[in-house]
Amino acid sequence: PVSRRQDKPDAIAWLLKNHPYITDAQIVSLIGTTKNTINSVRGKSHWNSSNIKPKDPVLLGLCTQTHLDD
């Protein structure tokens, strides 16, 4: 949903920080983002990178805990 779009970079940052072994393809399917967004968050070139704070995607409602555990 468009309403969750601003939360996705925060969730990506959290996943990259707490689960560095996860692949980009897994992040794409988990929270429904694009590889370009993942790369821009990883490389700190995202247009809003100064405001990105890592937040748990489960708490943001972007995925379920069981999907994250898988």
C-alpha atoms as a PDB file:
ATOM      1  CA  PRO A   1       0.000   0.000   0.000  1.00  0.00           C
ATOM      2  CA  VAL A   2       1.053   3.573  -0.609  1.00  0.00           C
ATOM      3  CA  SER A   3       0.558   4.338   3.083  1.00  0.00           C
ATOM      4  CA  ARG A   4       3.398   1.936   3.979  1.00  0.00           C
ATOM      5  CA  ARG A   5       5.797   3.167   1.297  1.00  0.00           C
ATOM      6  CA  GLN A   6       7.658   5.495   3.689  1.00  0.00           C
ATOM      7  CA  ASP A   7       8.240   2.590   6.113  1.00  0.00           C
ATOM      8  CA  LYS A   8       9.989   0.318   3.613  1.00  0.00           C
ATOM      9  CA  PRO A   9      13.450   1.984   3.720  1.00  0.00           C
ATOM     10  CA  ASP A  10      13.398   1.717   7.527  1.00  0.00           C
ATOM     11  CA  ALA A  11      12.533  -1.978   7.269  1.00  0.00           C
ATOM     12  CA  ILE A  12      15.262  -2.538   4.666  1.00  0.00           C
ATOM     13  CA  ALA A  13      17.834  -0.867   6.923  1.00  0.00           C
ATOM     14  CA  TRP A  14      16.740  -3.094   9.831  1.00  0.00           C
ATOM     15  CA  LEU A  15      17.000  -6.253   7.729  1.00  0.00           C
ATOM     16  CA  LEU A  16      20.440  -5.308   6.400  1.00  0.00           C
ATOM     17  CA  LYS A  17      21.666  -4.547   9.918  1.00  0.00           C
ATOM     18  CA  ASN A  18      20.167  -7.533  11.768  1.00  0.00           C
ATOM     19  CA  HIS A  19      20.179 -10.159   9.012  1.00  0.00           C
ATOM     20  CA  PRO A  20      23.197  -9.394   6.777  1.00  0.00           C
ATOM     21  CA  TYR A  21      23.042 -12.871   5.222  1.00  0.00           C
ATOM     22  CA  ILE A  22      19.593 -12.293   3.671  1.00  0.00           C
ATOM     23  CA  THR A  23      19.593 -11.887  -0.108  1.00  0.00           C
ATOM     24  CA  ASP A  24      18.097  -8.975  -2.022  1.00  0.00           C
ATOM     25  CA  ALA A  25      15.577 -11.322  -3.625  1.00  0.00           C
ATOM     26  CA  GLN A  26      14.397 -12.428  -0.176  1.00  0.00           C
ATOM     27  CA  ILE A  27      13.979  -8.805   0.932  1.00  0.00           C
ATOM     28  CA  VAL A  28      12.030  -8.021  -2.257  1.00  0.00           C
ATOM     29  CA  SER A  29       9.575 -10.852  -1.635  1.00  0.00           C
ATOM     30  CA  LEU A  30       9.393 -10.256   2.125  1.00  0.00           C
ATOM     31  CA  ILE A  31       8.434  -6.590   2.166  1.00  0.00           C
ATOM     32  CA  GLY A  32       7.567  -5.897  -1.460  1.00  0.00           C
ATOM     33  CA  THR A  33      10.233  -3.431  -2.492  1.00  0.00           C
ATOM     34  CA  THR A  34      12.645  -3.119  -5.410  1.00  0.00           C
ATOM     35  CA  LYS A  35      16.314  -4.008  -5.728  1.00  0.00           C
ATOM     36  CA  ASN A  36      17.062  -0.383  -6.581  1.00  0.00           C
ATOM     37  CA  THR A  37      15.616   0.733  -3.249  1.00  0.00           C
ATOM     38  CA  ILE A  38      17.612  -1.912  -1.383  1.00  0.00           C
ATOM     39  CA  ASN A  39      20.833  -0.835  -3.102  1.00  0.00           C
ATOM     40  CA  SER A  40      20.191   2.845  -2.418  1.00  0.00           C
ATOM     41  CA  VAL A  41      19.544   2.154   1.277  1.00  0.00           C
ATOM     42  CA  ARG A  42      22.627  -0.077   1.477  1.00  0.00           C
ATOM     43  CA  GLY A  43      24.813   2.503  -0.277  1.00  0.00           C
ATOM     44  CA  LYS A  44      23.296   5.402   1.676  1.00  0.00           C
ATOM     45  CA  SER A  45      22.318   7.090  -1.592  1.00  0.00           C
ATOM     46  CA  HIS A  46      18.576   6.946  -0.897  1.00  0.00           C
ATOM     47  CA  TRP A  47      16.948  10.369  -1.298  1.00  0.00           C
ATOM     48  CA  ASN A  48      15.835  10.262   2.351  1.00  0.00           C
ATOM     49  CA  SER A  49      18.866   8.497   3.813  1.00  0.00           C
ATOM     50  CA  SER A  50      19.403  11.063   6.575  1.00  0.00           C
ATOM     51  CA  ASN A  51      15.982  10.194   8.029  1.00  0.00           C
ATOM     52  CA  ILE A  52      16.126   6.397   7.731  1.00  0.00           C
ATOM     53  CA  LYS A  53      16.019   4.685  11.103  1.00  0.00           C
ATOM     54  CA  PRO A  54      16.153   0.861  11.195  1.00  0.00           C
ATOM     55  CA  LYS A  55      12.764  -0.477  12.309  1.00  0.00           C
ATOM     56  CA  ASP A  56      11.502  -4.045  12.567  1.00  0.00           C
ATOM     57  CA  PRO A  57       9.345  -4.837   9.498  1.00  0.00           C
ATOM     58  CA  VAL A  58       7.067  -7.031  11.628  1.00  0.00           C
ATOM     59  CA  LEU A  59       6.266  -4.103  13.932  1.00  0.00           C
ATOM     60  CA  LEU A  60       5.708  -1.883  10.885  1.00  0.00           C
ATOM     61  CA  GLY A  61       3.199  -4.408   9.548  1.00  0.00           C
ATOM     62  CA  LEU A  62       5.136  -5.111   6.338  1.00  0.00           C
ATOM     63  CA  CYS A  63       5.525  -8.833   6.999  1.00  0.00           C
ATOM     64  CA  THR A  64       4.699 -11.480   9.568  1.00  0.00           C
ATOM     65  CA  GLN A  65       7.125 -12.981  12.053  1.00  0.00           C
ATOM     66  CA  THR A  66       6.733 -16.411  10.493  1.00  0.00           C
ATOM     67  CA  HIS A  67       7.701 -15.088   7.051  1.00  0.00           C
ATOM     68  CA  LEU A  68      10.721 -13.349   8.578  1.00  0.00           C
ATOM     69  CA  ASP A  69      11.759 -16.534  10.390  1.00  0.00           C
ATOM     70  CA  ASP A  70      11.542 -18.544   7.181  1.00  0.00           C
END
